[in-house]
Amino acid sequence: MSLRSRLLLVLCAVAVAALVLADVATYSALESFLLGQVDQSLEQYHVPIENFLMTASSNGRRTPSRPVRCIRACRERTTGARSGIWPAP
């Protein structure tokens, strides 16, 4: 095998390894970012939704009420948006 062939083979192997490493790094960063976005959304909206769902009854016990209206009302209060149920990204 000539020197040119060996160098080309090594260069291709290094390029493939670099692409695999870049792919793993990109996937990890994207996964971390998207999970952070989901966590942030859940932290922002869970308290108003829980408060609306769990309303105090006459005997002081908390009882659930109208989930869809709750989600819409919480969204209107927190974002000012009025269309749909969930907030826009």
N, C-alpha and C. Protein backbone atom coordinates (compact mmCIF):
# COMPACT_ATOMS: atom_id res chain seq x y z
N MET A 1 0.87 -1.17 0.00
CA MET A 1 0.00 0.00 0.00
C MET A 1 0.91 1.24 0.00
N SER A 2 0.58 2.16 -0.84
CA SER A 2 1.43 3.34 -0.98
C SER A 2 1.20 4.31 0.18
N LEU A 3 2.12 5.23 0.33
CA LEU A 3 2.02 6.25 1.38
C LEU A 3 0.77 7.11 1.17
N ARG A 4 0.48 7.44 -0.06
CA ARG A 4 -0.70 8.25 -0.36
C ARG A 4 -1.97 7.54 0.09
N SER A 5 -2.10 6.26 -0.15
CA SER A 5 -3.29 5.49 0.25
C SER A 5 -3.41 5.43 1.77
N ARG A 6 -2.30 5.20 2.44
CA ARG A 6 -2.33 5.14 3.91
C ARG A 6 -2.72 6.49 4.51
N LEU A 7 -2.17 7.58 3.97
CA LEU A 7 -2.53 8.92 4.47
C LEU A 7 -4.00 9.23 4.24
N LEU A 8 -4.49 8.84 3.05
CA LEU A 8 -5.90 9.06 2.75
C LEU A 8 -6.80 8.25 3.68
N LEU A 9 -6.42 7.03 3.95
CA LEU A 9 -7.18 6.18 4.86
C LEU A 9 -7.21 6.75 6.28
N VAL A 10 -6.07 7.21 6.76
CA VAL A 10 -5.99 7.80 8.09
C VAL A 10 -6.80 9.09 8.14
N LEU A 11 -6.71 9.90 7.09
CA LEU A 11 -7.48 11.15 7.04
C LEU A 11 -8.98 10.88 7.09
N CYS A 12 -9.42 9.88 6.35
CA CYS A 12 -10.85 9.52 6.37
C CYS A 12 -11.27 9.03 7.75
N ALA A 13 -10.43 8.24 8.40
CA ALA A 13 -10.76 7.74 9.73
C ALA A 13 -10.85 8.88 10.74
N VAL A 14 -9.94 9.83 10.64
CA VAL A 14 -9.96 10.99 11.55
C VAL A 14 -11.20 11.84 11.28
N ALA A 15 -11.57 12.03 10.03
CA ALA A 15 -12.75 12.81 9.69
C ALA A 15 -14.02 12.15 10.23
N VAL A 16 -14.12 10.84 10.08
CA VAL A 16 -15.29 10.12 10.59
C VAL A 16 -15.36 10.23 12.11
N ALA A 17 -14.23 10.07 12.78
CA ALA A 17 -14.21 10.18 14.24
C ALA A 17 -14.61 11.59 14.69
N ALA A 18 -14.15 12.61 13.98
CA ALA A 18 -14.51 13.99 14.33
C ALA A 18 -16.00 14.23 14.12
N LEU A 19 -16.56 13.69 13.05
CA LEU A 19 -18.00 13.85 12.81
C LEU A 19 -18.82 13.14 13.88
N VAL A 20 -18.40 11.97 14.30
CA VAL A 20 -19.12 11.25 15.36
C VAL A 20 -19.06 12.03 16.67
N LEU A 21 -17.89 12.56 17.01
CA LEU A 21 -17.77 13.35 18.24
C LEU A 21 -18.63 14.61 18.17
N ALA A 22 -18.65 15.28 17.02
CA ALA A 22 -19.48 16.48 16.87
C ALA A 22 -20.96 16.12 16.99
N ASP A 23 -21.35 14.98 16.44
CA ASP A 23 -22.73 14.53 16.53
C ASP A 23 -23.14 14.28 17.98
N VAL A 24 -22.29 13.59 18.72
CA VAL A 24 -22.58 13.31 20.13
C VAL A 24 -22.67 14.61 20.93
N ALA A 25 -21.76 15.52 20.71
CA ALA A 25 -21.76 16.79 21.43
C ALA A 25 -23.02 17.61 21.10
N THR A 26 -23.39 17.65 19.83
CA THR A 26 -24.58 18.40 19.42
C THR A 26 -25.84 17.79 20.01
N TYR A 27 -25.95 16.47 19.96
CA TYR A 27 -27.11 15.80 20.51
C TYR A 27 -27.23 16.05 22.01
N SER A 28 -26.13 15.97 22.73
CA SER A 28 -26.15 16.19 24.18
C SER A 28 -26.56 17.63 24.50
N ALA A 29 -26.01 18.59 23.77
CA ALA A 29 -26.34 19.99 24.03
C ALA A 29 -27.81 20.27 23.72
N LEU A 30 -28.32 19.73 22.62
CA LEU A 30 -29.72 19.94 22.26
C LEU A 30 -30.65 19.29 23.27
N GLU A 31 -30.33 18.08 23.70
CA GLU A 31 -31.16 17.41 24.69
C GLU A 31 -31.21 18.20 26.00
N SER A 32 -30.06 18.68 26.43
CA SER A 32 -30.00 19.47 27.65
C SER A 32 -30.82 20.76 27.53
N PHE A 33 -30.70 21.43 26.40
CA PHE A 33 -31.44 22.67 26.19
C PHE A 33 -32.94 22.42 26.18
N LEU A 34 -33.38 21.39 25.47
CA LEU A 34 -34.82 21.12 25.38
C LEU A 34 -35.39 20.69 26.72
N LEU A 35 -34.66 19.89 27.48
CA LEU A 35 -35.13 19.51 28.81
C LEU A 35 -35.22 20.73 29.73
N GLY A 36 -34.28 21.64 29.58
CA GLY A 36 -34.34 22.88 30.35
C GLY A 36 -35.56 23.71 30.00
N GLN A 37 -35.92 23.75 28.72
CA GLN A 37 -37.11 24.49 28.30
C GLN A 37 -38.37 23.87 28.89
N VAL A 38 -38.45 22.54 28.87
CA VAL A 38 -39.62 21.85 29.44
C VAL A 38 -39.69 22.11 30.94
N ASP A 39 -38.56 22.00 31.63
CA ASP A 39 -38.54 22.26 33.08
C ASP A 39 -38.99 23.69 33.38
N GLN A 40 -38.51 24.64 32.59
CA GLN A 40 -38.88 26.03 32.81
C GLN A 40 -40.38 26.24 32.60
N SER A 41 -40.95 25.63 31.57
CA SER A 41 -42.38 25.76 31.31
C SER A 41 -43.20 25.14 32.44
N LEU A 42 -42.77 23.97 32.90
CA LEU A 42 -43.50 23.32 33.98
C LEU A 42 -43.44 24.14 35.27
N GLU A 43 -42.27 24.68 35.57
CA GLU A 43 -42.13 25.52 36.76
C GLU A 43 -43.01 26.77 36.66
N GLN A 44 -43.11 27.33 35.48
CA GLN A 44 -43.87 28.57 35.31
C GLN A 44 -45.38 28.34 35.43
N TYR A 45 -45.87 27.21 34.91
CA TYR A 45 -47.32 27.04 34.81
C TYR A 45 -47.93 26.09 35.83
N HIS A 46 -47.15 25.32 36.56
CA HIS A 46 -47.79 24.35 37.44
C HIS A 46 -48.48 24.99 38.64
N VAL A 47 -47.93 26.04 39.20
CA VAL A 47 -48.55 26.65 40.39
C VAL A 47 -49.91 27.29 40.06
N PRO A 48 -50.01 28.13 39.01
CA PRO A 48 -51.33 28.68 38.71
C PRO A 48 -52.36 27.61 38.36
N ILE A 49 -51.94 26.57 37.66
CA ILE A 49 -52.88 25.52 37.30
C ILE A 49 -53.32 24.75 38.55
N GLU A 50 -52.38 24.43 39.42
CA GLU A 50 -52.74 23.74 40.65
C GLU A 50 -53.67 24.59 41.50
N ASN A 51 -53.38 25.88 41.62
CA ASN A 51 -54.23 26.76 42.41
C ASN A 51 -55.64 26.85 41.85
N PHE A 52 -55.75 26.88 40.54
CA PHE A 52 -57.07 26.97 39.94
C PHE A 52 -57.81 25.65 40.04
N LEU A 53 -57.10 24.54 39.86
CA LEU A 53 -57.74 23.23 39.94
C LEU A 53 -58.20 22.90 41.35
N MET A 54 -57.41 23.30 42.32
CA MET A 54 -57.74 22.96 43.70
C MET A 54 -58.36 24.17 44.40
N THR A 55 -59.66 24.30 44.28
CA THR A 55 -60.35 25.43 44.91
C THR A 55 -60.93 24.98 46.24
N ALA A 56 -60.94 25.88 47.18
CA ALA A 56 -61.45 25.55 48.51
C ALA A 56 -62.97 25.39 48.46
N SER A 57 -63.47 24.31 49.04
CA SER A 57 -64.92 24.09 49.11
C SER A 57 -65.45 24.67 50.42
N SER A 58 -66.74 24.51 50.65
CA SER A 58 -67.36 25.10 51.83
C SER A 58 -66.86 24.47 53.13
N ASN A 59 -66.44 23.20 53.11
CA ASN A 59 -65.97 22.57 54.34
C ASN A 59 -64.46 22.70 54.51
N GLY A 60 -63.80 23.50 53.66
CA GLY A 60 -62.38 23.72 53.80
C GLY A 60 -61.50 22.73 53.06
N ARG A 61 -62.11 21.66 52.55
CA ARG A 61 -61.32 20.69 51.79
C ARG A 61 -61.12 21.20 50.37
N ARG A 62 -60.05 20.78 49.78
CA ARG A 62 -59.75 21.23 48.42
C ARG A 62 -60.30 20.21 47.42
N THR A 63 -61.01 20.70 46.43
CA THR A 63 -61.59 19.81 45.42
C THR A 63 -61.23 20.30 44.03
N PRO A 64 -61.01 19.37 43.09
CA PRO A 64 -60.68 19.79 41.73
C PRO A 64 -61.87 20.38 40.99
N SER A 65 -61.60 21.26 40.03
CA SER A 65 -62.67 21.85 39.23
C SER A 65 -62.19 22.13 37.81
N ARG A 66 -63.02 22.09 36.84
CA ARG A 66 -62.88 22.43 35.42
C ARG A 66 -61.46 22.59 34.88
N PRO A 67 -60.78 21.51 34.50
CA PRO A 67 -59.39 21.61 34.06
C PRO A 67 -59.16 22.45 32.80
N VAL A 68 -60.01 22.32 31.80
CA VAL A 68 -59.76 23.05 30.55
C VAL A 68 -59.91 24.54 30.76
N ARG A 69 -60.93 24.95 31.47
CA ARG A 69 -61.10 26.38 31.76
C ARG A 69 -59.95 26.88 32.61
N CYS A 70 -59.46 26.04 33.49
CA CYS A 70 -58.32 26.40 34.33
C CYS A 70 -57.10 26.71 33.49
N ILE A 71 -56.79 25.82 32.57
CA ILE A 71 -55.59 26.00 31.75
C ILE A 71 -55.72 27.27 30.92
N ARG A 72 -56.89 27.50 30.34
CA ARG A 72 -57.08 28.71 29.53
C ARG A 72 -56.96 29.96 30.40
N ALA A 73 -57.56 29.93 31.58
CA ALA A 73 -57.51 31.10 32.46
C ALA A 73 -56.09 31.37 32.93
N CYS A 74 -55.36 30.32 33.28
CA CYS A 74 -53.97 30.49 33.72
C CYS A 74 -53.11 31.05 32.60
N ARG A 75 -53.35 30.59 31.40
CA ARG A 75 -52.58 31.08 30.26
C ARG A 75 -52.88 32.55 30.02
N GLU A 76 -54.15 32.92 30.09
CA GLU A 76 -54.52 34.33 29.88
C GLU A 76 -53.89 35.22 30.94
N ARG A 77 -53.85 34.72 32.18
CA ARG A 77 -53.27 35.52 33.26
C ARG A 77 -51.77 35.68 33.13
N THR A 78 -51.08 34.61 32.71
CA THR A 78 -49.61 34.66 32.69
C THR A 78 -49.04 35.22 31.40
N THR A 79 -49.71 34.99 30.26
CA THR A 79 -49.14 35.43 28.99
C THR A 79 -49.97 36.49 28.28
N GLY A 80 -51.22 36.63 28.64
CA GLY A 80 -52.09 37.58 27.97
C GLY A 80 -52.66 37.03 26.68
N ALA A 81 -52.29 35.80 26.30
CA ALA A 81 -52.79 35.19 25.06
C ALA A 81 -54.16 34.60 25.29
N ARG A 82 -55.01 34.62 24.26
CA ARG A 82 -56.36 34.12 24.42
C ARG A 82 -56.72 32.96 23.49
N SER A 83 -55.85 32.55 22.58
CA SER A 83 -56.21 31.47 21.66
C SER A 83 -55.55 30.17 22.09
N GLY A 84 -56.27 29.06 22.03
CA GLY A 84 -55.72 27.76 22.35
C GLY A 84 -55.61 27.55 23.85
N ILE A 85 -55.00 26.43 24.22
CA ILE A 85 -54.87 26.06 25.63
C ILE A 85 -53.45 26.31 26.13
N TRP A 86 -52.44 25.86 25.37
CA TRP A 86 -51.06 25.91 25.83
C TRP A 86 -50.35 27.15 25.30
N PRO A 87 -49.34 27.62 26.01
CA PRO A 87 -48.61 28.80 25.57
C PRO A 87 -47.79 28.54 24.32
N ALA A 88 -47.63 29.57 23.53
CA ALA A 88 -46.80 29.44 22.34
C ALA A 88 -45.33 29.41 22.74
N PRO A 89 -44.49 28.66 21.99
CA PRO A 89 -43.08 28.58 22.34
C PRO A 89 -42.36 29.89 22.11
